[in-house]
C-alpha atoms as a PDB file:
ATOM      1  CA  MET A   1      -0.013  -0.075  -0.042  1.00  0.00           C
ATOM      2  CA  PHE A   2       1.352   3.397  -0.989  1.00  0.00           C
ATOM      3  CA  HIS A   3       1.770   6.227   1.390  1.00  0.00           C
ATOM      4  CA  LEU A   4      -0.170   9.466   0.784  1.00  0.00           C
ATOM      5  CA  HIS A   5       3.158  11.358   0.206  1.00  0.00           C
ATOM      6  CA  PRO A   6       6.128  10.094  -1.848  1.00  0.00           C
ATOM      7  CA  LEU A   7       9.193   9.240   0.236  1.00  0.00           C
ATOM      8  CA  LEU A   8      11.370  10.715  -2.523  1.00  0.00           C
ATOM      9  CA  GLN A   9      10.280  13.313  -5.101  1.00  0.00           C
ATOM     10  CA  VAL A  10      12.332  15.014  -7.654  1.00  0.00           C
ATOM     11  CA  ASP A  11      10.584  18.172  -9.084  1.00  0.00           C
ATOM     12  CA  GLN A  12      11.710  20.060 -12.155  1.00  0.00           C
ATOM     13  CA  LEU A  13      15.328  19.565 -11.464  1.00  0.00           C
ATOM     14  CA  GLU A  14      17.948  21.422 -13.127  1.00  0.00           C
ATOM     15  CA  ILE A  15      21.737  20.695 -12.733  1.00  0.00           C
ATOM     16  CA  SER A  16      24.295  23.150 -14.315  1.00  0.00           C
ATOM     17  CA  HIS A  17      27.957  23.464 -14.769  1.00  0.00           C
ATOM     18  CA  TYR A  18      29.699  26.707 -13.876  1.00  0.00           C
ATOM     19  CA  LYS A  19      31.914  27.832 -16.782  1.00  0.00           C
ATOM     20  CA  ASP A  20      33.111  31.100 -18.131  1.00  0.00           C
ATOM     21  CA  GLY A  21      31.365  33.142 -15.400  1.00  0.00           C
ATOM     22  CA  GLU A  22      27.936  31.494 -15.786  1.00  0.00           C
ATOM     23  CA  PHE A  23      25.806  28.397 -15.113  1.00  0.00           C
ATOM     24  CA  GLN A  24      25.376  26.298 -18.173  1.00  0.00           C
ATOM     25  CA  PRO A  25      22.422  23.669 -17.798  1.00  0.00           C
ATOM     26  CA  LEU A  26      23.453  19.994 -18.228  1.00  0.00           C
ATOM     27  CA  VAL A  27      20.270  18.422 -16.932  1.00  0.00           C
ATOM     28  CA  ARG A  28      16.751  20.032 -17.174  1.00  0.00           C
ATOM     29  CA  ASP A  29      13.210  19.239 -16.211  1.00  0.00           C
ATOM     30  CA  VAL A  30      13.793  16.005 -14.293  1.00  0.00           C
ATOM     31  CA  SER A  31      10.644  15.061 -12.287  1.00  0.00           C
ATOM     32  CA  PHE A  32       9.733  11.771 -10.708  1.00  0.00           C
ATOM     33  CA  GLN A  33       8.593  10.454  -7.346  1.00  0.00           C
ATOM     34  CA  ILE A  34       9.100   7.154  -5.536  1.00  0.00           C
ATOM     35  CA  GLN A  35       7.018   5.590  -2.793  1.00  0.00           C
ATOM     36  CA  ALA A  36       8.327   3.956   0.267  1.00  0.00           C
ATOM     37  CA  GLY A  37       9.228   0.364  -0.559  1.00  0.00           C
ATOM     38  CA  GLU A  38       9.301   0.610  -4.331  1.00  0.00           C
ATOM     39  CA  MET A  39      12.177  -0.066  -6.589  1.00  0.00           C
ATOM     40  CA  VAL A  40      12.128   2.246  -9.474  1.00  0.00           C
ATOM     41  CA  ALA A  41      14.545   2.033 -12.417  1.00  0.00           C
ATOM     42  CA  LEU A  42      15.723   5.345 -13.984  1.00  0.00           C
ATOM     43  CA  THR A  43      16.992   4.469 -17.452  1.00  0.00           C
ATOM     44  CA  GLY A  44      18.270   6.204 -20.513  1.00  0.00           C
ATOM     45  CA  PRO A  45      21.284   6.543 -22.808  1.00  0.00           C
ATOM     46  CA  SER A  46      24.737   7.572 -21.640  1.00  0.00           C
ATOM     47  CA  GLY A  47      25.097  11.368 -21.070  1.00  0.00           C
ATOM     48  CA  CYS A  48      21.492  12.126 -20.259  1.00  0.00           C
ATOM     49  CA  GLY A  49      22.267  12.836 -16.595  1.00  0.00           C
ATOM     50  CA  LYS A  50      21.169   9.793 -14.783  1.00  0.00           C
ATOM     51  CA  SER A  51      24.252   9.761 -12.506  1.00  0.00           C
ATOM     52  CA  LEU A  52      24.230  13.572 -12.076  1.00  0.00           C
ATOM     53  CA  THR A  53      20.743  13.192 -10.782  1.00  0.00           C
ATOM     54  CA  ALA A  54      21.750  10.506  -8.242  1.00  0.00           C
ATOM     55  CA  GLN A  55      24.722  12.619  -7.125  1.00  0.00           C
ATOM     56  CA  ALA A  56      22.292  15.681  -6.564  1.00  0.00           C
ATOM     57  CA  ILE A  57      20.026  13.582  -4.533  1.00  0.00           C
ATOM     58  CA  VAL A  58      22.714  12.840  -1.932  1.00  0.00           C
ATOM     59  CA  GLY A  59      24.633  15.999  -2.247  1.00  0.00           C
ATOM     60  CA  LEU A  60      27.765  14.754  -3.962  1.00  0.00           C
ATOM     61  CA  LEU A  61      27.829  16.727  -7.240  1.00  0.00           C
ATOM     62  CA  GLY A  62      31.352  17.546  -8.310  1.00  0.00           C
ATOM     63  CA  LYS A  63      33.096  20.633  -8.489  1.00  0.00           C
ATOM     64  CA  ARG A  64      31.620  23.606 -10.621  1.00  0.00           C
ATOM     65  CA  LEU A  65      28.263  21.678 -10.542  1.00  0.00           C
ATOM     66  CA  ASP A  66      25.197  22.759  -8.812  1.00  0.00           C
ATOM     67  CA  VAL A  67      21.532  22.418  -8.632  1.00  0.00           C
ATOM     68  CA  THR A  68      20.333  25.524 -10.273  1.00  0.00           C
ATOM     69  CA  GLY A  69      16.453  24.834 -10.369  1.00  0.00           C
ATOM     70  CA  GLY A  70      13.704  22.689  -8.932  1.00  0.00           C
ATOM     71  CA  LYS A  71      13.595  20.761  -5.679  1.00  0.00           C
ATOM     72  CA  ILE A  72      14.455  17.456  -4.271  1.00  0.00           C
ATOM     73  CA  MET A  73      12.072  16.445  -1.627  1.00  0.00           C
ATOM     74  CA  TYR A  74      12.851  13.679   0.917  1.00  0.00           C
ATOM     75  CA  GLN A  75      10.171  12.846   3.587  1.00  0.00           C
ATOM     76  CA  GLN A  76       8.370  16.212   2.454  1.00  0.00           C
ATOM     77  CA  GLN A  77      11.471  18.346   3.210  1.00  0.00           C
ATOM     78  CA  ASN A  78      13.442  20.090   0.378  1.00  0.00           C
ATOM     79  CA  VAL A  79      17.183  18.965   0.693  1.00  0.00           C
ATOM     80  CA  VAL A  80      18.662  21.103  -1.858  1.00  0.00           C
ATOM     81  CA  PRO A  81      19.574  24.057   0.507  1.00  0.00           C
ATOM     82  CA  PHE A  82      21.290  21.639   2.895  1.00  0.00           C
ATOM     83  CA  ASN A  83      24.677  22.372   4.349  1.00  0.00           C
ATOM     84  CA  ASP A  84      27.533  20.011   4.519  1.00  0.00           C
ATOM     85  CA  ARG A  85      26.564  18.588   7.926  1.00  0.00           C
ATOM     86  CA  GLN A  86      22.935  17.939   6.923  1.00  0.00           C
ATOM     87  CA  TRP A  87      24.153  16.164   3.707  1.00  0.00           C
ATOM     88  CA  LYS A  88      26.310  13.914   5.840  1.00  0.00           C
ATOM     89  CA  ARG A  89      23.578  13.190   8.110  1.00  0.00           C
ATOM     90  CA  LEU A  90      21.396  12.346   5.216  1.00  0.00           C
ATOM     91  CA  ARG A  91      23.944   9.918   3.619  1.00  0.00           C
ATOM     92  CA  ARG A  92      24.771   8.340   7.059  1.00  0.00           C
ATOM     93  CA  HIS A  93      21.080   7.744   8.244  1.00  0.00           C
ATOM     94  CA  GLU A  94      18.775   7.891   5.246  1.00  0.00           C
ATOM     95  CA  ILE A  95      20.042   7.511   1.695  1.00  0.00           C
ATOM     96  CA  ALA A  96      22.959   5.385   0.668  1.00  0.00           C
ATOM     97  CA  LEU A  97      24.577   5.730  -2.877  1.00  0.00           C
ATOM     98  CA  LEU A  98      26.027   2.510  -4.509  1.00  0.00           C
ATOM     99  CA  ILE A  99      28.430   4.133  -7.193  1.00  0.00           C
ATOM    100  CA  GLN A 100      29.164   2.836 -10.486  1.00  0.00           C
ATOM    101  CA  ASP A 101      32.869   1.845 -10.003  1.00  0.00           C
ATOM    102  CA  SER A 102      33.281  -0.312  -6.991  1.00  0.00           C
ATOM    103  CA  LEU A 103      37.189   0.300  -6.907  1.00  0.00           C
ATOM    104  CA  ASN A 104      36.454   3.927  -6.232  1.00  0.00           C
ATOM    105  CA  GLY A 105      34.108   3.143  -3.492  1.00  0.00           C
ATOM    106  CA  LEU A 106      36.861   1.183  -1.520  1.00  0.00           C
ATOM    107  CA  ASN A 107      40.188   2.123  -0.203  1.00  0.00           C
ATOM    108  CA  PRO A 108      42.747   0.022  -2.109  1.00  0.00           C
ATOM    109  CA  ILE A 109      45.334  -0.017   0.750  1.00  0.00           C
ATOM    110  CA  ARG A 110      43.035  -1.067   3.667  1.00  0.00           C
ATOM    111  CA  THR A 111      41.488  -4.454   4.355  1.00  0.00           C
ATOM    112  CA  ILE A 112      37.776  -5.114   3.810  1.00  0.00           C
ATOM    113  CA  LYS A 113      37.491  -5.715   7.626  1.00  0.00           C
ATOM    114  CA  LYS A 114      38.947  -2.059   8.507  1.00  0.00           C
ATOM    115  CA  GLN A 115      36.767  -0.452   6.168  1.00  0.00           C
ATOM    116  CA  MET A 116      33.532  -2.175   7.136  1.00  0.00           C
ATOM    117  CA  ALA A 117      34.170  -1.770  10.736  1.00  0.00           C
ATOM    118  CA  GLU A 118      34.799   2.015  10.167  1.00  0.00           C
ATOM    119  CA  THR A 119      31.381   2.231   8.405  1.00  0.00           C
ATOM    120  CA  ILE A 120      29.457   0.264  11.013  1.00  0.00           C
ATOM    121  CA  CYS A 121      30.788   2.660  13.775  1.00  0.00           C
ATOM    122  CA  GLN A 122      29.666   5.774  11.965  1.00  0.00           C
ATOM    123  CA  LYS A 123      26.136   5.519  13.607  1.00  0.00           C
ATOM    124  CA  ARG A 124      27.014   3.907  17.033  1.00  0.00           C
ATOM    125  CA  LYS A 125      29.841   2.521  18.910  1.00  0.00           C
ATOM    126  CA  TRP A 126      30.283  -1.266  19.138  1.00  0.00           C
ATOM    127  CA  ASN A 127      32.612  -3.544  21.055  1.00  0.00           C
ATOM    128  CA  ARG A 128      35.053  -5.509  19.017  1.00  0.00           C
ATOM    129  CA  LYS A 129      33.211  -8.783  19.519  1.00  0.00           C
ATOM    130  CA  ASP A 130      29.860  -7.303  18.262  1.00  0.00           C
ATOM    131  CA  ILE A 131      31.595  -5.556  15.390  1.00  0.00           C
ATOM    132  CA  LEU A 132      33.010  -8.974  14.139  1.00  0.00           C
ATOM    133  CA  LEU A 133      29.525 -10.480  14.593  1.00  0.00           C
ATOM    134  CA  ARG A 134      27.764  -7.966  12.578  1.00  0.00           C
ATOM    135  CA  LEU A 135      30.494  -7.809   9.811  1.00  0.00           C
ATOM    136  CA  HIS A 136      29.947 -11.608   9.457  1.00  0.00           C
ATOM    137  CA  THR A 137      26.183 -11.177   9.378  1.00  0.00           C
ATOM    138  CA  PHE A 138      26.054  -8.464   6.723  1.00  0.00           C
ATOM    139  CA  LEU A 139      28.525 -10.426   4.500  1.00  0.00           C
ATOM    140  CA  HIS A 140      26.280 -13.438   4.850  1.00  0.00           C
ATOM    141  CA  GLU A 141      23.386 -11.400   3.848  1.00  0.00           C
ATOM    142  CA  VAL A 142      25.011 -10.319   0.578  1.00  0.00           C
ATOM    143  CA  GLY A 143      25.911 -13.918  -0.441  1.00  0.00           C
ATOM    144  CA  PHE A 144      29.356 -14.668   0.950  1.00  0.00           C
ATOM    145  CA  SER A 145      29.755 -18.075   2.394  1.00  0.00           C
ATOM    146  CA  ASP A 146      33.202 -17.476   3.945  1.00  0.00           C
ATOM    147  CA  PRO A 147      33.077 -13.995   5.510  1.00  0.00           C
ATOM    148  CA  ALA A 148      36.158 -14.325   7.452  1.00  0.00           C
ATOM    149  CA  HIS A 149      38.151 -14.795   4.176  1.00  0.00           C
ATOM    150  CA  ILE A 150      36.569 -11.738   2.686  1.00  0.00           C
ATOM    151  CA  LEU A 151      37.265  -9.558   5.693  1.00  0.00           C
ATOM    152  CA  ARG A 152      41.008 -10.363   5.335  1.00  0.00           C
ATOM    153  CA  THR A 153      41.198  -9.421   1.665  1.00  0.00           C
ATOM    154  CA  TYR A 154      42.138  -6.136  -0.053  1.00  0.00           C
ATOM    155  CA  PRO A 155      39.656  -4.699  -2.672  1.00  0.00           C
ATOM    156  CA  PHE A 156      41.996  -5.388  -5.609  1.00  0.00           C
ATOM    157  CA  GLU A 157      41.894  -9.030  -4.684  1.00  0.00           C
ATOM    158  CA  LEU A 158      38.207  -9.331  -5.295  1.00  0.00           C
ATOM    159  CA  SER A 159      36.196  -9.366  -8.589  1.00  0.00           C
ATOM    160  CA  GLY A 160      33.895  -6.525  -9.607  1.00  0.00           C
ATOM    161  CA  GLY A 161      30.751  -8.365  -8.553  1.00  0.00           C
ATOM    162  CA  MET A 162      32.195  -9.230  -5.200  1.00  0.00           C
ATOM    163  CA  ARG A 163      33.284  -5.738  -4.386  1.00  0.00           C
ATOM    164  CA  GLN A 164      29.691  -4.502  -5.323  1.00  0.00           C
ATOM    165  CA  ARG A 165      28.532  -6.906  -2.848  1.00  0.00           C
ATOM    166  CA  VAL A 166      30.835  -5.696  -0.159  1.00  0.00           C
ATOM    167  CA  LEU A 167      29.685  -2.258  -0.795  1.00  0.00           C
ATOM    168  CA  LEU A 168      26.109  -3.363  -0.526  1.00  0.00           C
ATOM    169  CA  ALA A 169      27.056  -5.070   3.020  1.00  0.00           C
ATOM    170  CA  MET A 170      28.557  -1.716   4.186  1.00  0.00           C
ATOM    171  CA  MET A 171      25.331   0.198   3.121  1.00  0.00           C
ATOM    172  CA  LEU A 172      23.295  -2.275   4.987  1.00  0.00           C
ATOM    173  CA  SER A 173      25.303  -1.645   8.108  1.00  0.00           C
ATOM    174  CA  LEU A 174      24.111   1.975   8.157  1.00  0.00           C
ATOM    175  CA  GLU A 175      20.460   0.841   7.962  1.00  0.00           C
ATOM    176  CA  PRO A 176      19.393   3.347   5.294  1.00  0.00           C
ATOM    177  CA  LYS A 177      15.758   3.751   4.141  1.00  0.00           C
ATOM    178  CA  VAL A 178      16.759   4.342   0.522  1.00  0.00           C
ATOM    179  CA  ILE A 179      19.579   2.838  -1.575  1.00  0.00           C
ATOM    180  CA  ILE A 180      20.457   4.575  -4.962  1.00  0.00           C
ATOM    181  CA  ALA A 181      22.214   1.981  -7.052  1.00  0.00           C
ATOM    182  CA  ASP A 182      24.009   3.925  -9.897  1.00  0.00           C
ATOM    183  CA  GLU A 183      24.861   1.519 -12.775  1.00  0.00           C
ATOM    184  CA  PRO A 184      25.805  -1.256 -10.415  1.00  0.00           C
ATOM    185  CA  THR A 185      26.313  -3.778 -13.007  1.00  0.00           C
ATOM    186  CA  THR A 186      28.014  -1.819 -15.833  1.00  0.00           C
ATOM    187  CA  SER A 187      31.445  -3.526 -15.603  1.00  0.00           C
ATOM    188  CA  LEU A 188      30.086  -6.984 -14.791  1.00  0.00           C
ATOM    189  CA  ASP A 189      29.480  -9.941 -17.035  1.00  0.00           C
ATOM    190  CA  ILE A 190      25.898 -11.179 -17.566  1.00  0.00           C
ATOM    191  CA  ILE A 191      26.024 -13.817 -14.815  1.00  0.00           C
ATOM    192  CA  ASN A 192      27.386 -11.385 -12.119  1.00  0.00           C
ATOM    193  CA  ARG A 193      24.911  -8.654 -13.424  1.00  0.00           C
ATOM    194  CA  GLU A 194      22.072 -10.937 -12.731  1.00  0.00           C
ATOM    195  CA  LYS A 195      23.602 -11.921  -9.353  1.00  0.00           C
ATOM    196  CA  VAL A 196      23.761  -8.290  -8.140  1.00  0.00           C
ATOM    197  CA  LEU A 197      20.401  -7.284  -9.372  1.00  0.00           C
ATOM    198  CA  SER A 198      18.737 -10.344  -7.688  1.00  0.00           C
ATOM    199  CA  LEU A 199      20.631  -9.418  -4.494  1.00  0.00           C
ATOM    200  CA  ILE A 200      19.489  -5.841  -4.573  1.00  0.00           C
ATOM    201  CA  LYS A 201      15.774  -7.103  -5.194  1.00  0.00           C
ATOM    202  CA  LYS A 202      16.054  -9.608  -2.374  1.00  0.00           C
ATOM    203  CA  LEU A 203      17.600  -6.727  -0.076  1.00  0.00           C
ATOM    204  CA  GLN A 204      14.787  -4.596  -0.936  1.00  0.00           C
ATOM    205  CA  TYR A 205      12.178  -7.173   0.568  1.00  0.00           C
ATOM    206  CA  ASP A 206      14.308  -8.291   3.555  1.00  0.00           C
ATOM    207  CA  TYR A 207      15.104  -4.837   4.776  1.00  0.00           C
ATOM    208  CA  SER A 208      11.895  -2.944   3.520  1.00  0.00           C
ATOM    209  CA  LEU A 209      14.021  -0.833   1.329  1.00  0.00           C
ATOM    210  CA  THR A 210      13.295   1.782  -1.239  1.00  0.00           C
ATOM    211  CA  VAL A 211      15.513   1.639  -4.364  1.00  0.00           C
ATOM    212  CA  LEU A 212      16.303   3.803  -7.116  1.00  0.00           C
ATOM    213  CA  LEU A 213      18.022   1.715  -9.662  1.00  0.00           C
ATOM    214  CA  ILE A 214      20.016   3.779 -12.428  1.00  0.00           C
ATOM    215  CA  SER A 215      20.852   1.914 -15.486  1.00  0.00           C
ATOM    216  CA  HIS A 216      21.259   2.466 -19.220  1.00  0.00           C
ATOM    217  CA  ASP A 217      20.207  -1.144 -19.924  1.00  0.00           C
ATOM    218  CA  GLN A 218      16.422  -1.168 -19.617  1.00  0.00           C
ATOM    219  CA  LYS A 219      16.268  -4.946 -20.682  1.00  0.00           C
ATOM    220  CA  SER A 220      18.267  -6.081 -17.577  1.00  0.00           C
ATOM    221  CA  VAL A 221      16.364  -4.280 -14.975  1.00  0.00           C
ATOM    222  CA  ARG A 222      12.853  -4.612 -16.546  1.00  0.00           C
ATOM    223  CA  LYS A 223      12.183  -7.723 -14.400  1.00  0.00           C
ATOM    224  CA  TYR A 224      13.376  -6.368 -11.117  1.00  0.00           C
ATOM    225  CA  ALA A 225      11.956  -2.930 -11.079  1.00  0.00           C
ATOM    226  CA  ASP A 226       8.301  -2.083  -9.944  1.00  0.00           C
ATOM    227  CA  ARG A 227       8.226   0.888 -12.404  1.00  0.00           C
ATOM    228  CA  ILE A 228      10.598   2.025 -15.054  1.00  0.00           C
ATOM    229  CA  LEU A 229      11.246   5.670 -15.967  1.00  0.00           C
ATOM    230  CA  GLU A 230      13.006   6.798 -19.134  1.00  0.00           C
ATOM    231  CA  MET A 231      15.299   9.831 -18.917  1.00  0.00           C
ATOM    232  CA  ARG A 232      16.227  11.813 -22.060  1.00  0.00           C
ATOM    233  CA  ILE A 233      17.955  15.064 -22.723  1.00  0.00           C
ATOM    234  CA  GLU A 234      14.690  16.882 -22.339  1.00  0.00           C
ATOM    235  CA  GLY A 235      13.624  15.261 -19.039  1.00  0.00           C
ATOM    236  CA  VAL A 236      12.009  12.078 -17.707  1.00  0.00           C
ATOM    237  CA  THR A 237       9.031  10.110 -19.015  1.00  0.00           C
ATOM    238  CA  SER A 238       7.298   7.129 -17.323  1.00  0.00           C
END
C-alpha cells in the first residue's frame, strides 16, 4: 500500500556546470517520485544525466556543478539547501549511494575488515566482538559463504561483483531507508549482473528498502523494477 506522500520526489530538477562566469544547464526538467518500498529504475542513454541526478539527491555533485533549479524532496523536506553537515547526516542515516565503479568506493590499501568496521561505527559505537559478529552477518546477507576470508582481503583481490556486494554490505550496516544504485552492473559480465540485481531485489524485501536503480540497460532491470522511468536530454518520461 502506497503512502499519501512519496518518500522521495524530484521536481523540475536542473543541474548546471559553472563555466566562463555563468551556469550552463546540463540536466533539465527532471521530475519523478518514489513511494516507500518501491524499486524504481531510472533508465536512459549515456550522457542524459542519470548519474548527475543521483549525485544531486545525496549532495555529491562534483566541482563547479550545482542544482540551479527545482526541488529534491525527501520525507516532504527540500534537501537542496542543505549544508555539509546536513548532507552527511542524510547519507549516514537515510540515503545510501552505491556508485558505478566499485574500486572507487573502496580504499585499495586497507582491508575489507577495517573499512567495514569503520562504516559500522559511523552510527554507533560497538565493542570488538559485536563488530565482528555484525560484519559476518552482513557479508552473509549479501551472499558470501566465507566472511572471514573476505574480511582479510584487499579490494583489488576481489572481482567487480564481489566488491559491489561488499559495498552493499557496508550500506546495510548503516540501516538506510533508501538505496540509490548507480549503474551497479556496468563492468560485470551477464552472470554477475543478474546476481547483483537479484541481490538488490532480495535486500529490498528483506530490509523494506526503497530503491532507485539507475541503468542504461532497460532490458536487464525490467524484471526487477516495480516501475521504469526513461530519462532523456529533455527530461523524464514514465
